[in-house]
Amino acid sequence: MKLIVNKKKINIEKIDGFFNRFKLLKFKLEKLENGYLLTNRKWLSTYLYCQKVDVILTDKDNTILYLYPKLKSEAIIYYKRKAYNTYILPLNTVNYLEKGKILRIEK
């Protein structure tokens, strides 16, 4: 699956299961090149992430509800009732997106 942002395609990997979500970016020092999709996820903790990330929360139709640029390590995005998908993306990805728009996903 690929996310299209500003004519750039970002590979998106879907992450399922507690253990896979838990170890997602913990202690990883290399720069994030791909994005991750956490489905049915209404909150996020970046505890022990070693880098800044951009985060997008969308509803089931991939309409952008919340944008979090340059989210630091040990940040918490508290429970958002209408959110369904959480995208964790490389830095400066959300600069080209707006709240209320639909994400362009290519399969």
C-alpha atoms as a PDB file:
ATOM      1  CA  MET A   1       0.000   0.000   0.000  1.00  0.00           C
ATOM      2  CA  LYS A   2       1.293   3.485  -0.841  1.00  0.00           C
ATOM      3  CA  LEU A   3       0.327   6.907   0.451  1.00  0.00           C
ATOM      4  CA  ILE A   4       0.574   9.696  -2.126  1.00  0.00           C
ATOM      5  CA  VAL A   5       1.612  13.065  -0.684  1.00  0.00           C
ATOM      6  CA  ASN A   6       2.748  15.958  -2.891  1.00  0.00           C
ATOM      7  CA  LYS A   7       3.426  13.612  -5.878  1.00  0.00           C
ATOM      8  CA  LYS A   8       5.651  11.461  -3.649  1.00  0.00           C
ATOM      9  CA  LYS A   9       4.767   7.840  -2.841  1.00  0.00           C
ATOM     10  CA  ILE A  10       5.436   6.569   0.671  1.00  0.00           C
ATOM     11  CA  ASN A  11       5.267   2.829   1.335  1.00  0.00           C
ATOM     12  CA  ILE A  12       2.846   2.018   4.144  1.00  0.00           C
ATOM     13  CA  GLU A  13       3.110  -1.160   6.201  1.00  0.00           C
ATOM     14  CA  LYS A  14       0.058  -2.309   8.142  1.00  0.00           C
ATOM     15  CA  ILE A  15       0.912  -3.315  11.722  1.00  0.00           C
ATOM     16  CA  ASP A  16      -1.330  -5.765  13.574  1.00  0.00           C
ATOM     17  CA  GLY A  17      -1.087  -7.289  17.032  1.00  0.00           C
ATOM     18  CA  PHE A  18       0.004  -5.958  20.388  1.00  0.00           C
ATOM     19  CA  PHE A  19       3.656  -7.065  20.250  1.00  0.00           C
ATOM     20  CA  ASN A  20       4.208  -5.676  16.738  1.00  0.00           C
ATOM     21  CA  ARG A  21       2.716  -2.307  17.751  1.00  0.00           C
ATOM     22  CA  PHE A  22       4.760  -2.304  20.959  1.00  0.00           C
ATOM     23  CA  LYS A  23       8.131  -2.789  19.235  1.00  0.00           C
ATOM     24  CA  LEU A  24       7.293  -0.618  16.201  1.00  0.00           C
ATOM     25  CA  LEU A  25       9.849   2.209  16.499  1.00  0.00           C
ATOM     26  CA  LYS A  26      11.260   1.640  19.957  1.00  0.00           C
ATOM     27  CA  PHE A  27      15.047   2.167  20.040  1.00  0.00           C
ATOM     28  CA  LYS A  28      15.350   2.420  16.214  1.00  0.00           C
ATOM     29  CA  LEU A  29      18.027   4.942  15.304  1.00  0.00           C
ATOM     30  CA  GLU A  30      17.908   4.764  11.501  1.00  0.00           C
ATOM     31  CA  LYS A  31      15.862   7.413   9.738  1.00  0.00           C
ATOM     32  CA  LEU A  32      12.257   6.442   9.040  1.00  0.00           C
ATOM     33  CA  GLU A  33      11.746   5.973   5.273  1.00  0.00           C
ATOM     34  CA  ASN A  34       8.409   4.128   5.208  1.00  0.00           C
ATOM     35  CA  GLY A  35       5.158   4.758   7.026  1.00  0.00           C
ATOM     36  CA  TYR A  36       3.070   2.545   9.278  1.00  0.00           C
ATOM     37  CA  LEU A  37      -0.679   2.087   9.583  1.00  0.00           C
ATOM     38  CA  LEU A  38      -2.277   1.097  12.878  1.00  0.00           C
ATOM     39  CA  THR A  39      -5.960   0.285  12.332  1.00  0.00           C
ATOM     40  CA  ASN A  40      -8.643   0.743  14.981  1.00  0.00           C
ATOM     41  CA  ARG A  41      -6.197   2.854  16.980  1.00  0.00           C
ATOM     42  CA  LYS A  42      -7.550   5.999  18.639  1.00  0.00           C
ATOM     43  CA  TRP A  43      -4.447   7.039  20.608  1.00  0.00           C
ATOM     44  CA  LEU A  44      -0.650   6.759  20.415  1.00  0.00           C
ATOM     45  CA  SER A  45       2.344   6.900  22.710  1.00  0.00           C
ATOM     46  CA  THR A  46       5.806   7.609  21.300  1.00  0.00           C
ATOM     47  CA  TYR A  47       7.558   6.488  24.462  1.00  0.00           C
ATOM     48  CA  LEU A  48      11.123   5.270  23.696  1.00  0.00           C
ATOM     49  CA  TYR A  49      11.006   6.376  20.042  1.00  0.00           C
ATOM     50  CA  CYS A  50      14.488   7.633  19.160  1.00  0.00           C
ATOM     51  CA  GLN A  51      13.345  10.028  16.456  1.00  0.00           C
ATOM     52  CA  LYS A  52      10.644  12.544  15.648  1.00  0.00           C
ATOM     53  CA  VAL A  53       7.718  11.385  13.485  1.00  0.00           C
ATOM     54  CA  ASP A  54       4.641  12.850  11.828  1.00  0.00           C
ATOM     55  CA  VAL A  55       1.305  11.331  12.847  1.00  0.00           C
ATOM     56  CA  ILE A  56      -2.098  11.474  11.153  1.00  0.00           C
ATOM     57  CA  LEU A  57      -5.364  10.264  12.672  1.00  0.00           C
ATOM     58  CA  THR A  58      -8.177   9.547  10.212  1.00  0.00           C
ATOM     59  CA  ASP A  59     -11.676   8.098  10.284  1.00  0.00           C
ATOM     60  CA  LYS A  60     -12.689   4.859   8.489  1.00  0.00           C
ATOM     61  CA  ASP A  61     -12.939   6.703   5.154  1.00  0.00           C
ATOM     62  CA  ASN A  62      -9.376   8.121   5.533  1.00  0.00           C
ATOM     63  CA  THR A  63     -10.596  11.672   6.066  1.00  0.00           C
ATOM     64  CA  ILE A  64      -7.931  13.509   8.054  1.00  0.00           C
ATOM     65  CA  LEU A  65      -9.141  14.395  11.548  1.00  0.00           C
ATOM     66  CA  TYR A  66      -5.882  15.338  13.313  1.00  0.00           C
ATOM     67  CA  LEU A  67      -2.343  16.178  12.162  1.00  0.00           C
ATOM     68  CA  TYR A  68       0.660  16.001  14.487  1.00  0.00           C
ATOM     69  CA  PRO A  69       3.871  17.261  12.836  1.00  0.00           C
ATOM     70  CA  LYS A  70       7.287  16.582  14.391  1.00  0.00           C
ATOM     71  CA  LEU A  71       5.982  14.565  17.317  1.00  0.00           C
ATOM     72  CA  LYS A  72       8.805  14.105  19.821  1.00  0.00           C
ATOM     73  CA  SER A  73       9.740  11.027  21.795  1.00  0.00           C
ATOM     74  CA  GLU A  74       7.655  10.399  24.912  1.00  0.00           C
ATOM     75  CA  ALA A  75       4.643  12.288  23.555  1.00  0.00           C
ATOM     76  CA  ILE A  76       1.117  11.020  24.019  1.00  0.00           C
ATOM     77  CA  ILE A  77      -1.833  11.532  21.709  1.00  0.00           C
ATOM     78  CA  TYR A  78      -4.826  11.041  23.942  1.00  0.00           C
ATOM     79  CA  TYR A  79      -7.945   9.090  22.975  1.00  0.00           C
ATOM     80  CA  LYS A  80      -9.808  10.622  20.021  1.00  0.00           C
ATOM     81  CA  ARG A  81     -13.360   9.321  19.757  1.00  0.00           C
ATOM     82  CA  LYS A  82     -13.938   9.563  16.000  1.00  0.00           C
ATOM     83  CA  ALA A  83     -10.461   8.396  14.949  1.00  0.00           C
ATOM     84  CA  TYR A  84      -9.978   4.939  13.436  1.00  0.00           C
ATOM     85  CA  ASN A  85      -6.641   4.795  11.575  1.00  0.00           C
ATOM     86  CA  THR A  86      -3.322   6.086  12.850  1.00  0.00           C
ATOM     87  CA  TYR A  87      -0.543   6.724  10.335  1.00  0.00           C
ATOM     88  CA  ILE A  88       3.044   7.098  11.540  1.00  0.00           C
ATOM     89  CA  LEU A  89       5.056   8.807   8.810  1.00  0.00           C
ATOM     90  CA  PRO A  90       8.524  10.252   8.132  1.00  0.00           C
ATOM     91  CA  LEU A  91       9.197  13.855   9.123  1.00  0.00           C
ATOM     92  CA  ASN A  92       7.743  16.704   7.033  1.00  0.00           C
ATOM     93  CA  THR A  93       5.051  14.543   5.430  1.00  0.00           C
ATOM     94  CA  VAL A  94       2.107  16.375   6.990  1.00  0.00           C
ATOM     95  CA  ASN A  95       3.335  19.764   5.750  1.00  0.00           C
ATOM     96  CA  TYR A  96       1.456  19.102   2.493  1.00  0.00           C
ATOM     97  CA  LEU A  97      -1.785  17.853   4.062  1.00  0.00           C
ATOM     98  CA  GLU A  98      -4.833  19.601   5.505  1.00  0.00           C
ATOM     99  CA  LYS A  99      -7.449  18.646   8.053  1.00  0.00           C
ATOM    100  CA  GLY A 100     -10.698  17.488   6.417  1.00  0.00           C
ATOM    101  CA  LYS A 101      -9.044  16.215   3.204  1.00  0.00           C
ATOM    102  CA  ILE A 102      -9.065  12.549   2.193  1.00  0.00           C
ATOM    103  CA  LEU A 103      -5.733  10.677   2.089  1.00  0.00           C
ATOM    104  CA  ARG A 104      -4.803   9.298  -1.315  1.00  0.00           C
ATOM    105  CA  ILE A 105      -4.008   5.590  -0.907  1.00  0.00           C
ATOM    106  CA  GLU A 106      -2.799   3.347  -3.731  1.00  0.00           C
ATOM    107  CA  LYS A 107      -2.901  -0.414  -3.343  1.00  0.00           C
END
